[in-house]
N, C-alpha and C. Protein backbone atom coordinates (compact mmCIF):
# COMPACT_ATOMS: atom_id res chain seq x y z
N MET A 1 28.85 -10.57 -0.64
CA MET A 1 28.30 -9.23 -0.52
C MET A 1 27.36 -9.15 0.67
N LYS A 2 27.53 -8.13 1.49
CA LYS A 2 26.67 -7.88 2.64
C LYS A 2 25.84 -6.63 2.35
N LEU A 3 24.51 -6.76 2.47
CA LEU A 3 23.67 -5.61 2.19
C LEU A 3 22.54 -5.48 3.20
N LEU A 4 22.13 -4.24 3.40
CA LEU A 4 20.98 -3.92 4.24
C LEU A 4 19.86 -3.45 3.33
N ALA A 5 18.70 -4.10 3.42
CA ALA A 5 17.55 -3.76 2.58
C ALA A 5 16.39 -3.33 3.46
N LEU A 6 15.61 -2.38 2.98
CA LEU A 6 14.47 -1.94 3.78
C LEU A 6 13.32 -1.49 2.90
N ASP A 7 12.13 -1.53 3.49
CA ASP A 7 10.93 -1.04 2.83
C ASP A 7 10.07 -0.29 3.83
N THR A 8 9.67 0.91 3.46
CA THR A 8 8.74 1.71 4.27
C THR A 8 7.67 2.32 3.39
N SER A 9 7.42 1.72 2.23
CA SER A 9 6.58 2.35 1.21
C SER A 9 5.09 2.24 1.46
N GLY A 10 4.67 1.41 2.42
CA GLY A 10 3.25 1.24 2.69
C GLY A 10 2.96 1.31 4.18
N LYS A 11 2.03 0.50 4.64
CA LYS A 11 1.65 0.50 6.05
C LYS A 11 2.68 -0.19 6.93
N THR A 12 3.51 -1.03 6.32
CA THR A 12 4.45 -1.85 7.10
C THR A 12 5.87 -1.31 7.00
N VAL A 13 6.70 -1.78 7.93
CA VAL A 13 8.14 -1.48 7.93
C VAL A 13 8.88 -2.82 7.95
N SER A 14 9.83 -2.96 7.06
CA SER A 14 10.59 -4.21 6.99
C SER A 14 12.06 -3.90 6.74
N VAL A 15 12.93 -4.60 7.47
CA VAL A 15 14.37 -4.42 7.35
C VAL A 15 15.00 -5.80 7.28
N ALA A 16 15.96 -6.01 6.38
CA ALA A 16 16.62 -7.31 6.25
C ALA A 16 18.12 -7.13 6.06
N PHE A 17 18.88 -8.06 6.64
CA PHE A 17 20.31 -8.15 6.40
C PHE A 17 20.56 -9.39 5.55
N VAL A 18 21.18 -9.18 4.38
CA VAL A 18 21.42 -10.26 3.44
C VAL A 18 22.92 -10.40 3.21
N SER A 19 23.42 -11.62 3.33
CA SER A 19 24.82 -11.91 3.07
C SER A 19 24.88 -12.88 1.90
N ASP A 20 25.41 -12.41 0.77
CA ASP A 20 25.40 -13.17 -0.48
C ASP A 20 23.96 -13.55 -0.83
N ASP A 21 23.63 -14.84 -0.89
CA ASP A 21 22.27 -15.24 -1.24
C ASP A 21 21.43 -15.61 -0.03
N VAL A 22 21.93 -15.34 1.16
CA VAL A 22 21.25 -15.77 2.38
C VAL A 22 20.67 -14.57 3.14
N THR A 23 19.38 -14.63 3.45
CA THR A 23 18.78 -13.64 4.33
C THR A 23 19.08 -14.05 5.76
N VAL A 24 20.04 -13.38 6.36
CA VAL A 24 20.50 -13.73 7.70
C VAL A 24 19.45 -13.36 8.74
N GLY A 25 18.81 -12.23 8.56
CA GLY A 25 17.79 -11.79 9.52
C GLY A 25 16.85 -10.77 8.90
N GLU A 26 15.63 -10.75 9.40
CA GLU A 26 14.65 -9.79 8.91
C GLU A 26 13.72 -9.39 10.06
N ILE A 27 13.40 -8.11 10.12
CA ILE A 27 12.45 -7.59 11.10
C ILE A 27 11.29 -6.97 10.34
N PHE A 28 10.08 -7.31 10.76
CA PHE A 28 8.88 -6.84 10.07
C PHE A 28 7.89 -6.29 11.09
N PHE A 29 7.37 -5.11 10.82
CA PHE A 29 6.38 -4.49 11.70
C PHE A 29 5.13 -4.12 10.91
N ASP A 30 3.98 -4.40 11.48
CA ASP A 30 2.71 -3.93 10.95
C ASP A 30 1.94 -3.35 12.14
N VAL A 31 2.34 -2.16 12.54
CA VAL A 31 1.81 -1.53 13.75
C VAL A 31 1.42 -0.09 13.45
N GLU A 32 0.57 0.46 14.28
CA GLU A 32 0.09 1.82 14.09
C GLU A 32 1.06 2.82 14.73
N ARG A 33 2.26 2.87 14.16
CA ARG A 33 3.25 3.85 14.61
C ARG A 33 3.92 4.44 13.39
N HIS A 34 4.49 5.63 13.58
CA HIS A 34 5.17 6.29 12.47
C HIS A 34 6.42 5.50 12.08
N HIS A 35 6.63 5.33 10.78
CA HIS A 35 7.78 4.58 10.30
C HIS A 35 9.10 5.15 10.82
N SER A 36 9.15 6.48 10.92
CA SER A 36 10.39 7.13 11.35
C SER A 36 10.76 6.76 12.79
N GLU A 37 9.78 6.39 13.60
CA GLU A 37 10.06 5.99 14.98
C GLU A 37 10.62 4.57 15.05
N ILE A 38 10.30 3.75 14.07
CA ILE A 38 10.62 2.33 14.11
C ILE A 38 11.90 1.99 13.35
N LEU A 39 12.13 2.69 12.25
CA LEU A 39 13.13 2.24 11.28
C LEU A 39 14.55 2.15 11.84
N LEU A 40 15.08 3.24 12.36
CA LEU A 40 16.47 3.23 12.82
C LEU A 40 16.70 2.26 13.99
N PRO A 41 15.80 2.21 15.01
CA PRO A 41 15.98 1.20 16.05
C PRO A 41 15.93 -0.23 15.50
N ALA A 42 15.09 -0.46 14.49
CA ALA A 42 15.00 -1.79 13.88
C ALA A 42 16.30 -2.15 13.19
N ILE A 43 16.90 -1.20 12.47
CA ILE A 43 18.18 -1.44 11.80
C ILE A 43 19.26 -1.77 12.82
N ASP A 44 19.31 -0.98 13.87
CA ASP A 44 20.32 -1.19 14.92
C ASP A 44 20.15 -2.57 15.56
N HIS A 45 18.93 -2.94 15.91
CA HIS A 45 18.67 -4.23 16.54
C HIS A 45 19.02 -5.39 15.61
N LEU A 46 18.66 -5.26 14.35
CA LEU A 46 18.92 -6.32 13.38
C LEU A 46 20.41 -6.56 13.21
N LEU A 47 21.17 -5.50 13.01
CA LEU A 47 22.60 -5.66 12.77
C LEU A 47 23.33 -6.16 14.02
N LYS A 48 22.92 -5.69 15.17
CA LYS A 48 23.52 -6.21 16.41
C LYS A 48 23.24 -7.69 16.57
N GLY A 49 22.01 -8.10 16.27
CA GLY A 49 21.66 -9.51 16.37
C GLY A 49 22.44 -10.37 15.40
N ALA A 50 22.77 -9.80 14.24
CA ALA A 50 23.53 -10.54 13.23
C ALA A 50 25.03 -10.46 13.46
N GLY A 51 25.44 -9.65 14.44
CA GLY A 51 26.88 -9.51 14.72
C GLY A 51 27.63 -8.75 13.64
N VAL A 52 26.95 -7.78 13.04
CA VAL A 52 27.54 -7.02 11.93
C VAL A 52 27.50 -5.53 12.26
N ARG A 53 28.58 -4.84 11.94
CA ARG A 53 28.60 -3.38 12.08
C ARG A 53 28.13 -2.76 10.77
N ILE A 54 27.53 -1.62 10.87
CA ILE A 54 27.01 -0.99 9.66
C ILE A 54 28.12 -0.66 8.67
N GLY A 55 29.31 -0.40 9.20
CA GLY A 55 30.45 -0.14 8.33
C GLY A 55 30.95 -1.36 7.58
N ASP A 56 30.48 -2.55 7.96
CA ASP A 56 30.87 -3.78 7.27
C ASP A 56 30.04 -4.02 6.00
N LEU A 57 28.96 -3.26 5.84
CA LEU A 57 28.06 -3.48 4.72
C LEU A 57 28.66 -2.97 3.42
N ASP A 58 28.35 -3.67 2.33
CA ASP A 58 28.83 -3.29 1.00
C ASP A 58 27.81 -2.48 0.22
N LEU A 59 26.54 -2.62 0.59
CA LEU A 59 25.47 -2.04 -0.22
C LEU A 59 24.24 -1.76 0.64
N PHE A 60 23.57 -0.67 0.34
CA PHE A 60 22.27 -0.37 0.94
C PHE A 60 21.20 -0.46 -0.15
N ALA A 61 20.00 -0.87 0.23
CA ALA A 61 18.92 -1.00 -0.73
C ALA A 61 17.61 -0.56 -0.09
N CYS A 62 16.74 0.04 -0.89
CA CYS A 62 15.42 0.43 -0.39
C CYS A 62 14.44 0.49 -1.55
N THR A 63 13.16 0.39 -1.23
CA THR A 63 12.13 0.64 -2.22
C THR A 63 12.03 2.14 -2.47
N VAL A 64 11.85 2.50 -3.72
CA VAL A 64 11.80 3.93 -4.09
C VAL A 64 10.42 4.34 -4.55
N GLY A 65 9.44 3.42 -4.48
CA GLY A 65 8.08 3.71 -4.90
C GLY A 65 7.71 2.84 -6.08
N PRO A 66 6.45 2.94 -6.49
CA PRO A 66 5.40 3.81 -5.96
C PRO A 66 4.85 3.31 -4.63
N GLY A 67 4.16 4.18 -3.94
CA GLY A 67 3.57 3.85 -2.65
C GLY A 67 3.20 5.11 -1.90
N SER A 68 3.17 5.01 -0.59
CA SER A 68 2.89 6.17 0.25
C SER A 68 3.99 7.21 0.07
N PHE A 69 3.60 8.44 -0.22
CA PHE A 69 4.60 9.49 -0.44
C PHE A 69 5.50 9.65 0.79
N THR A 70 4.88 9.73 1.96
CA THR A 70 5.65 9.91 3.19
C THR A 70 6.51 8.69 3.46
N GLY A 71 5.95 7.51 3.32
CA GLY A 71 6.70 6.29 3.58
C GLY A 71 7.90 6.14 2.67
N VAL A 72 7.70 6.40 1.38
CA VAL A 72 8.81 6.31 0.43
C VAL A 72 9.91 7.30 0.80
N ARG A 73 9.53 8.52 1.15
CA ARG A 73 10.53 9.53 1.52
C ARG A 73 11.35 9.10 2.72
N ILE A 74 10.71 8.49 3.71
CA ILE A 74 11.43 8.06 4.91
C ILE A 74 12.49 7.02 4.55
N GLY A 75 12.11 6.03 3.75
CA GLY A 75 13.07 5.00 3.37
C GLY A 75 14.21 5.54 2.53
N VAL A 76 13.86 6.34 1.53
CA VAL A 76 14.89 6.88 0.64
C VAL A 76 15.84 7.81 1.40
N SER A 77 15.31 8.68 2.23
CA SER A 77 16.18 9.62 2.95
C SER A 77 17.08 8.90 3.96
N THR A 78 16.56 7.84 4.59
CA THR A 78 17.37 7.07 5.53
C THR A 78 18.54 6.40 4.82
N VAL A 79 18.26 5.76 3.71
CA VAL A 79 19.31 5.07 2.96
C VAL A 79 20.32 6.06 2.37
N LYS A 80 19.84 7.19 1.89
CA LYS A 80 20.75 8.21 1.36
C LYS A 80 21.71 8.69 2.45
N GLY A 81 21.17 8.90 3.66
CA GLY A 81 22.02 9.33 4.77
C GLY A 81 23.08 8.30 5.13
N LEU A 82 22.68 7.03 5.19
CA LEU A 82 23.63 5.97 5.51
C LEU A 82 24.69 5.82 4.41
N ALA A 83 24.25 5.90 3.16
CA ALA A 83 25.19 5.75 2.04
C ALA A 83 26.21 6.89 2.01
N LEU A 84 25.75 8.09 2.33
CA LEU A 84 26.67 9.23 2.39
C LEU A 84 27.67 9.07 3.53
N ALA A 85 27.17 8.65 4.67
CA ALA A 85 28.03 8.53 5.85
C ALA A 85 29.10 7.46 5.67
N TYR A 86 28.75 6.36 4.98
CA TYR A 86 29.69 5.23 4.86
C TYR A 86 30.22 5.05 3.44
N ASP A 87 29.92 6.00 2.55
CA ASP A 87 30.43 5.98 1.18
C ASP A 87 30.15 4.64 0.50
N ARG A 88 28.89 4.28 0.46
CA ARG A 88 28.49 3.03 -0.16
C ARG A 88 27.45 3.30 -1.26
N PRO A 89 27.33 2.42 -2.25
CA PRO A 89 26.31 2.57 -3.28
C PRO A 89 24.94 2.14 -2.78
N ILE A 90 23.93 2.46 -3.56
CA ILE A 90 22.54 2.14 -3.22
C ILE A 90 21.88 1.44 -4.41
N ALA A 91 21.06 0.45 -4.10
CA ALA A 91 20.18 -0.15 -5.10
C ALA A 91 18.77 0.35 -4.83
N GLY A 92 18.23 1.09 -5.76
CA GLY A 92 16.85 1.54 -5.65
C GLY A 92 15.92 0.52 -6.29
N VAL A 93 14.95 0.03 -5.54
CA VAL A 93 14.11 -1.09 -5.99
C VAL A 93 12.65 -0.65 -6.10
N SER A 94 12.03 -0.99 -7.21
CA SER A 94 10.60 -0.74 -7.38
C SER A 94 9.80 -1.54 -6.37
N THR A 95 8.83 -0.91 -5.73
CA THR A 95 7.96 -1.64 -4.81
C THR A 95 7.21 -2.75 -5.54
N LEU A 96 6.87 -2.50 -6.79
CA LEU A 96 6.13 -3.50 -7.57
C LEU A 96 7.00 -4.70 -7.91
N GLU A 97 8.26 -4.46 -8.21
CA GLU A 97 9.16 -5.59 -8.47
C GLU A 97 9.39 -6.40 -7.20
N ALA A 98 9.51 -5.72 -6.06
CA ALA A 98 9.67 -6.44 -4.80
C ALA A 98 8.44 -7.30 -4.51
N LEU A 99 7.25 -6.78 -4.82
CA LEU A 99 6.03 -7.57 -4.67
C LEU A 99 6.01 -8.75 -5.63
N ALA A 100 6.48 -8.54 -6.85
CA ALA A 100 6.49 -9.61 -7.84
C ALA A 100 7.35 -10.78 -7.39
N VAL A 101 8.40 -10.51 -6.61
CA VAL A 101 9.25 -11.58 -6.08
C VAL A 101 8.43 -12.57 -5.27
N ASN A 102 7.38 -12.09 -4.59
CA ASN A 102 6.54 -12.96 -3.78
C ASN A 102 5.82 -14.01 -4.61
N ALA A 103 5.66 -13.75 -5.90
CA ALA A 103 4.97 -14.69 -6.78
C ALA A 103 5.91 -15.29 -7.82
N ALA A 104 7.21 -15.08 -7.66
CA ALA A 104 8.18 -15.64 -8.60
C ALA A 104 8.12 -17.16 -8.56
N GLY A 105 8.29 -17.75 -9.72
CA GLY A 105 8.22 -19.21 -9.84
C GLY A 105 6.95 -19.67 -10.53
N PHE A 106 5.91 -18.82 -10.54
CA PHE A 106 4.70 -19.13 -11.31
C PHE A 106 5.03 -18.93 -12.80
N PRO A 107 4.85 -19.92 -13.63
CA PRO A 107 5.19 -19.79 -15.06
C PRO A 107 4.09 -19.04 -15.83
N THR A 108 3.71 -17.90 -15.32
CA THR A 108 2.64 -17.09 -15.91
C THR A 108 3.06 -15.63 -15.83
N LEU A 109 2.19 -14.77 -16.31
CA LEU A 109 2.36 -13.35 -16.07
C LEU A 109 2.20 -13.10 -14.57
N VAL A 110 3.07 -12.28 -14.01
CA VAL A 110 2.98 -11.88 -12.60
C VAL A 110 2.61 -10.40 -12.58
N CYS A 111 1.49 -10.10 -11.93
CA CYS A 111 0.98 -8.73 -11.93
C CYS A 111 0.86 -8.19 -10.50
N PRO A 112 1.88 -7.48 -10.02
CA PRO A 112 1.76 -6.85 -8.70
C PRO A 112 0.90 -5.58 -8.79
N LEU A 113 0.01 -5.43 -7.83
CA LEU A 113 -0.89 -4.28 -7.80
C LEU A 113 -0.90 -3.67 -6.41
N ILE A 114 -0.72 -2.38 -6.33
CA ILE A 114 -0.80 -1.65 -5.07
C ILE A 114 -1.99 -0.71 -5.14
N ASP A 115 -2.86 -0.77 -4.15
CA ASP A 115 -4.03 0.10 -4.12
C ASP A 115 -3.57 1.56 -3.98
N ALA A 116 -3.89 2.37 -4.97
CA ALA A 116 -3.51 3.78 -4.96
C ALA A 116 -4.67 4.68 -4.55
N LYS A 117 -5.79 4.07 -4.10
CA LYS A 117 -7.00 4.79 -3.72
C LYS A 117 -7.63 5.47 -4.95
N ARG A 118 -8.75 6.14 -4.76
CA ARG A 118 -9.46 6.87 -5.82
C ARG A 118 -9.76 5.98 -7.02
N GLY A 119 -9.95 4.68 -6.79
CA GLY A 119 -10.26 3.77 -7.88
C GLY A 119 -9.09 3.46 -8.79
N GLN A 120 -7.87 3.68 -8.28
CA GLN A 120 -6.67 3.48 -9.09
C GLN A 120 -5.72 2.47 -8.44
N VAL A 121 -4.82 1.92 -9.25
CA VAL A 121 -3.79 1.01 -8.75
C VAL A 121 -2.46 1.36 -9.39
N TYR A 122 -1.39 1.13 -8.64
CA TYR A 122 -0.06 1.10 -9.23
C TYR A 122 0.14 -0.33 -9.71
N ALA A 123 0.53 -0.50 -10.97
CA ALA A 123 0.58 -1.83 -11.57
C ALA A 123 1.93 -2.10 -12.22
N GLY A 124 2.36 -3.36 -12.10
CA GLY A 124 3.55 -3.81 -12.79
C GLY A 124 3.23 -5.09 -13.54
N PHE A 125 4.03 -5.38 -14.57
CA PHE A 125 3.80 -6.57 -15.38
C PHE A 125 5.14 -7.29 -15.57
N TYR A 126 5.21 -8.50 -15.05
CA TYR A 126 6.45 -9.27 -15.05
C TYR A 126 6.18 -10.69 -15.56
N ARG A 127 7.21 -11.27 -16.16
CA ARG A 127 7.13 -12.66 -16.56
C ARG A 127 8.13 -13.45 -15.72
N SER A 128 7.66 -14.55 -15.16
CA SER A 128 8.50 -15.38 -14.31
C SER A 128 8.75 -16.72 -14.97
N ASP A 129 9.95 -17.26 -14.77
CA ASP A 129 10.18 -18.65 -15.17
C ASP A 129 10.11 -19.52 -13.92
N THR A 130 10.20 -20.82 -14.10
CA THR A 130 10.04 -21.73 -12.97
C THR A 130 11.20 -21.65 -11.98
N ALA A 131 12.32 -21.05 -12.40
CA ALA A 131 13.46 -20.89 -11.51
C ALA A 131 13.33 -19.64 -10.64
N GLY A 132 12.29 -18.84 -10.89
CA GLY A 132 12.06 -17.65 -10.08
C GLY A 132 12.65 -16.38 -10.63
N SER A 133 13.21 -16.43 -11.84
CA SER A 133 13.77 -15.22 -12.45
C SER A 133 12.65 -14.39 -13.06
N LEU A 134 12.68 -13.09 -12.81
CA LEU A 134 11.64 -12.18 -13.28
C LEU A 134 12.14 -11.28 -14.40
N THR A 135 11.30 -11.07 -15.40
CA THR A 135 11.59 -10.14 -16.47
C THR A 135 10.49 -9.08 -16.49
N CYS A 136 10.88 -7.82 -16.43
CA CYS A 136 9.91 -6.72 -16.48
C CYS A 136 9.45 -6.52 -17.92
N LEU A 137 8.15 -6.55 -18.16
CA LEU A 137 7.60 -6.46 -19.50
C LEU A 137 7.27 -5.04 -19.92
N SER A 138 6.99 -4.18 -18.96
CA SER A 138 6.67 -2.78 -19.27
C SER A 138 6.89 -1.95 -18.02
N PRO A 139 7.08 -0.64 -18.18
CA PRO A 139 7.31 0.21 -17.00
C PRO A 139 6.14 0.18 -16.03
N ASP A 140 6.44 0.33 -14.75
CA ASP A 140 5.39 0.46 -13.74
C ASP A 140 4.49 1.64 -14.11
N CYS A 141 3.20 1.52 -13.79
CA CYS A 141 2.27 2.56 -14.21
C CYS A 141 1.14 2.74 -13.20
N LEU A 142 0.40 3.82 -13.37
CA LEU A 142 -0.80 4.10 -12.59
C LEU A 142 -2.00 3.89 -13.50
N LEU A 143 -2.93 3.00 -13.06
CA LEU A 143 -4.09 2.65 -13.87
C LEU A 143 -5.38 2.86 -13.10
N ALA A 144 -6.45 3.16 -13.83
CA ALA A 144 -7.78 3.03 -13.25
C ALA A 144 -8.04 1.54 -13.07
N ALA A 145 -8.67 1.16 -11.97
CA ALA A 145 -8.85 -0.26 -11.67
C ALA A 145 -9.55 -1.01 -12.80
N GLU A 146 -10.52 -0.37 -13.44
CA GLU A 146 -11.27 -1.06 -14.49
C GLU A 146 -10.43 -1.35 -15.73
N GLU A 147 -9.25 -0.75 -15.83
CA GLU A 147 -8.37 -1.01 -16.96
C GLU A 147 -7.58 -2.31 -16.80
N ILE A 148 -7.50 -2.84 -15.58
CA ILE A 148 -6.65 -4.00 -15.34
C ILE A 148 -6.98 -5.17 -16.27
N PRO A 149 -8.25 -5.59 -16.38
CA PRO A 149 -8.52 -6.74 -17.25
C PRO A 149 -8.09 -6.53 -18.70
N ASN A 150 -8.12 -5.29 -19.18
CA ASN A 150 -7.74 -5.01 -20.56
C ASN A 150 -6.24 -5.11 -20.80
N ARG A 151 -5.47 -5.08 -19.73
CA ARG A 151 -4.01 -5.14 -19.84
C ARG A 151 -3.47 -6.56 -19.73
N ILE A 152 -4.31 -7.52 -19.41
CA ILE A 152 -3.86 -8.88 -19.13
C ILE A 152 -4.34 -9.84 -20.20
N GLU A 153 -3.42 -10.61 -20.76
CA GLU A 153 -3.77 -11.67 -21.70
C GLU A 153 -3.31 -13.01 -21.12
N GLY A 154 -4.19 -14.00 -21.17
CA GLY A 154 -3.83 -15.33 -20.67
C GLY A 154 -3.84 -15.41 -19.16
N ASP A 155 -3.23 -16.48 -18.66
CA ASP A 155 -3.20 -16.71 -17.21
C ASP A 155 -2.29 -15.68 -16.53
N ALA A 156 -2.66 -15.32 -15.31
CA ALA A 156 -1.85 -14.36 -14.56
C ALA A 156 -2.05 -14.58 -13.07
N VAL A 157 -1.00 -14.29 -12.31
CA VAL A 157 -1.09 -14.34 -10.85
C VAL A 157 -0.97 -12.91 -10.35
N PHE A 158 -1.85 -12.54 -9.42
CA PHE A 158 -1.93 -11.18 -8.90
C PHE A 158 -1.48 -11.16 -7.44
N VAL A 159 -0.74 -10.12 -7.07
CA VAL A 159 -0.22 -10.02 -5.72
C VAL A 159 -0.21 -8.55 -5.30
N GLY A 160 -0.44 -8.28 -4.03
CA GLY A 160 -0.40 -6.91 -3.54
C GLY A 160 -1.76 -6.43 -3.06
N SER A 161 -1.78 -5.28 -2.39
CA SER A 161 -3.01 -4.77 -1.80
C SER A 161 -4.08 -4.51 -2.85
N GLY A 162 -3.67 -4.10 -4.05
CA GLY A 162 -4.64 -3.86 -5.11
C GLY A 162 -5.32 -5.13 -5.58
N ALA A 163 -4.60 -6.25 -5.51
CA ALA A 163 -5.19 -7.53 -5.89
C ALA A 163 -6.31 -7.91 -4.93
N GLY A 164 -6.12 -7.58 -3.66
CA GLY A 164 -7.15 -7.87 -2.67
C GLY A 164 -8.37 -6.99 -2.83
N VAL A 165 -8.15 -5.70 -3.06
CA VAL A 165 -9.26 -4.75 -3.17
C VAL A 165 -10.09 -5.00 -4.42
N TYR A 166 -9.41 -5.36 -5.52
CA TYR A 166 -10.12 -5.49 -6.80
C TYR A 166 -10.19 -6.93 -7.29
N LYS A 167 -10.20 -7.87 -6.36
CA LYS A 167 -10.24 -9.29 -6.73
C LYS A 167 -11.47 -9.62 -7.55
N GLU A 168 -12.63 -9.11 -7.17
CA GLU A 168 -13.87 -9.43 -7.89
C GLU A 168 -13.84 -8.91 -9.31
N LEU A 169 -13.36 -7.68 -9.48
CA LEU A 169 -13.27 -7.10 -10.81
C LEU A 169 -12.31 -7.90 -11.69
N ILE A 170 -11.16 -8.26 -11.12
CA ILE A 170 -10.16 -9.01 -11.88
C ILE A 170 -10.66 -10.41 -12.23
N SER A 171 -11.33 -11.04 -11.29
CA SER A 171 -11.81 -12.40 -11.51
C SER A 171 -12.84 -12.48 -12.62
N ALA A 172 -13.50 -11.37 -12.91
CA ALA A 172 -14.56 -11.36 -13.92
C ALA A 172 -14.02 -11.24 -15.34
N ARG A 173 -12.72 -11.05 -15.50
CA ARG A 173 -12.18 -10.94 -16.86
C ARG A 173 -12.38 -12.26 -17.61
N SER A 174 -12.57 -12.14 -18.90
CA SER A 174 -13.01 -13.31 -19.68
C SER A 174 -11.88 -14.18 -20.20
N GLU A 175 -10.68 -13.62 -20.33
CA GLU A 175 -9.60 -14.38 -20.97
C GLU A 175 -8.56 -14.84 -19.94
N GLY A 176 -8.36 -16.15 -19.83
CA GLY A 176 -7.32 -16.68 -18.96
C GLY A 176 -7.75 -16.80 -17.51
N ARG A 177 -6.95 -17.55 -16.76
CA ARG A 177 -7.22 -17.74 -15.33
C ARG A 177 -6.60 -16.60 -14.54
N SER A 178 -7.30 -16.19 -13.49
CA SER A 178 -6.78 -15.18 -12.57
C SER A 178 -6.47 -15.88 -11.25
N LEU A 179 -5.20 -15.96 -10.92
CA LEU A 179 -4.76 -16.59 -9.69
C LEU A 179 -4.34 -15.51 -8.70
N PHE A 180 -4.60 -15.73 -7.41
CA PHE A 180 -4.30 -14.73 -6.40
C PHE A 180 -3.39 -15.32 -5.34
N ALA A 181 -2.28 -14.63 -5.07
CA ALA A 181 -1.36 -15.08 -4.05
C ALA A 181 -2.03 -15.02 -2.68
N PRO A 182 -1.58 -15.86 -1.72
CA PRO A 182 -2.14 -15.80 -0.36
C PRO A 182 -1.97 -14.42 0.25
N LEU A 183 -2.83 -14.08 1.19
CA LEU A 183 -2.85 -12.73 1.76
C LEU A 183 -1.51 -12.30 2.34
N HIS A 184 -0.76 -13.24 2.96
CA HIS A 184 0.50 -12.81 3.59
C HIS A 184 1.57 -12.47 2.55
N PHE A 185 1.32 -12.76 1.27
CA PHE A 185 2.24 -12.38 0.21
C PHE A 185 1.90 -11.01 -0.38
N HIS A 186 0.84 -10.39 0.11
CA HIS A 186 0.45 -9.08 -0.42
C HIS A 186 1.24 -7.94 0.21
N ARG A 187 2.13 -8.27 1.13
CA ARG A 187 2.95 -7.25 1.79
C ARG A 187 4.40 -7.37 1.33
N ILE A 188 5.08 -6.24 1.27
CA ILE A 188 6.46 -6.23 0.77
C ILE A 188 7.43 -6.68 1.87
N SER A 189 8.31 -7.57 1.52
CA SER A 189 9.34 -8.07 2.42
C SER A 189 10.68 -7.43 2.07
N ALA A 190 11.41 -6.99 3.08
CA ALA A 190 12.74 -6.44 2.84
C ALA A 190 13.68 -7.50 2.27
N ALA A 191 13.43 -8.76 2.60
CA ALA A 191 14.24 -9.84 2.02
C ALA A 191 14.06 -9.87 0.51
N ALA A 192 12.84 -9.63 0.03
CA ALA A 192 12.59 -9.56 -1.42
C ALA A 192 13.30 -8.36 -2.03
N VAL A 193 13.30 -7.25 -1.32
CA VAL A 193 14.05 -6.07 -1.76
C VAL A 193 15.53 -6.42 -1.91
N GLY A 194 16.04 -7.21 -0.96
CA GLY A 194 17.43 -7.64 -1.01
C GLY A 194 17.73 -8.53 -2.21
N ILE A 195 16.79 -9.40 -2.56
CA ILE A 195 16.97 -10.27 -3.73
C ILE A 195 17.11 -9.44 -5.00
N VAL A 196 16.22 -8.46 -5.17
CA VAL A 196 16.28 -7.60 -6.34
C VAL A 196 17.56 -6.77 -6.32
N ALA A 197 17.93 -6.27 -5.14
CA ALA A 197 19.12 -5.42 -5.01
C ALA A 197 20.38 -6.18 -5.41
N ARG A 198 20.47 -7.44 -5.03
CA ARG A 198 21.64 -8.24 -5.40
C ARG A 198 21.74 -8.40 -6.91
N ARG A 199 20.61 -8.63 -7.56
CA ARG A 199 20.61 -8.74 -9.02
C ARG A 199 21.05 -7.43 -9.66
N LYS A 200 20.59 -6.31 -9.09
CA LYS A 200 20.98 -5.02 -9.62
C LYS A 200 22.48 -4.78 -9.44
N ALA A 201 23.02 -5.21 -8.32
CA ALA A 201 24.45 -5.06 -8.08
C ALA A 201 25.26 -5.86 -9.10
N GLU A 202 24.81 -7.07 -9.38
CA GLU A 202 25.50 -7.91 -10.36
C GLU A 202 25.46 -7.28 -11.75
N ALA A 203 24.37 -6.55 -12.04
CA ALA A 203 24.23 -5.91 -13.34
C ALA A 203 24.86 -4.51 -13.38
N GLY A 204 25.37 -4.05 -12.23
CA GLY A 204 25.96 -2.72 -12.17
C GLY A 204 24.94 -1.60 -12.15
N ASP A 205 23.70 -1.93 -11.80
CA ASP A 205 22.61 -0.94 -11.79
C ASP A 205 22.45 -0.36 -10.39
N LEU A 206 23.41 0.48 -10.00
CA LEU A 206 23.43 1.06 -8.67
C LEU A 206 23.48 2.59 -8.76
N HIS A 207 23.16 3.23 -7.63
CA HIS A 207 23.15 4.68 -7.58
C HIS A 207 24.00 5.18 -6.41
N SER A 208 24.43 6.43 -6.54
CA SER A 208 25.02 7.11 -5.41
C SER A 208 23.90 7.74 -4.59
N ALA A 209 24.24 8.22 -3.41
CA ALA A 209 23.25 8.88 -2.57
C ALA A 209 22.68 10.12 -3.26
N VAL A 210 23.48 10.80 -4.04
CA VAL A 210 23.03 11.99 -4.74
C VAL A 210 22.06 11.63 -5.86
N GLN A 211 22.29 10.51 -6.52
CA GLN A 211 21.47 10.12 -7.67
C GLN A 211 20.11 9.54 -7.29
N LEU A 212 20.02 8.89 -6.14
CA LEU A 212 18.79 8.17 -5.78
C LEU A 212 17.62 9.14 -5.58
N ALA A 213 16.49 8.79 -6.17
CA ALA A 213 15.30 9.64 -6.05
C ALA A 213 14.05 8.78 -5.98
N PRO A 214 13.02 9.25 -5.28
CA PRO A 214 11.75 8.50 -5.23
C PRO A 214 11.08 8.44 -6.60
N VAL A 215 10.21 7.43 -6.76
CA VAL A 215 9.41 7.27 -7.96
C VAL A 215 7.95 7.23 -7.53
N TYR A 216 7.23 8.32 -7.75
CA TYR A 216 5.87 8.43 -7.22
C TYR A 216 4.78 8.00 -8.21
N LEU A 217 4.98 8.20 -9.50
CA LEU A 217 4.05 7.90 -10.59
C LEU A 217 2.83 8.82 -10.64
N ARG A 218 2.53 9.50 -9.56
CA ARG A 218 1.50 10.54 -9.65
C ARG A 218 1.87 11.67 -8.70
N ARG A 219 1.34 12.82 -8.97
CA ARG A 219 1.67 13.99 -8.15
C ARG A 219 1.09 13.85 -6.76
N GLU A 220 1.84 14.33 -5.80
CA GLU A 220 1.35 14.34 -4.41
C GLU A 220 0.24 15.37 -4.30
N MET A 221 -0.83 14.97 -3.62
CA MET A 221 -1.97 15.87 -3.44
C MET A 221 -1.94 16.47 -2.03
């Protein structure tokens, strides 16, 4: 299976080409430019470098949120357009699950957190085994930051921008160890999006371009 995965849900832009279980190439940007200016040229450059035509792809994948409203819309609309043009299915991937992949392999609770501003975080709760397989324990949600310690029992590893912003608050919780992934794991990788997308394809959890929709978790202000 050949798939193109992308993420534009936050400050960064990431695009990856995945063939079966191998990430053939990935482009990552963390620059002060609009995602819409970077995304399509990045896709074109990546596929040319990999020697693949866009029509050769079997699947498109993107993060659908939660995250930046504008960023999520750019990624979703780009993938919907490509899927319509080439009649291909789409795997819609939670930004929090893609973040959880960065901490897969820790035999603890994996808690991805994205800073949602206003003292809030987008939070996910996953269980990982030592082989790196993730199980979602509850739906992604929007929490007040002070609620995080009350939602965690036992040891847990935290990853994402929210983990960095609220590290002190999380570290003060009384039950279990709080482990924090290295800073470079707090950003979403399109390769991780591709890993989740492949699992979704194997499970038949795919969407058409018409069906795919963003997941914001809170109303746009």
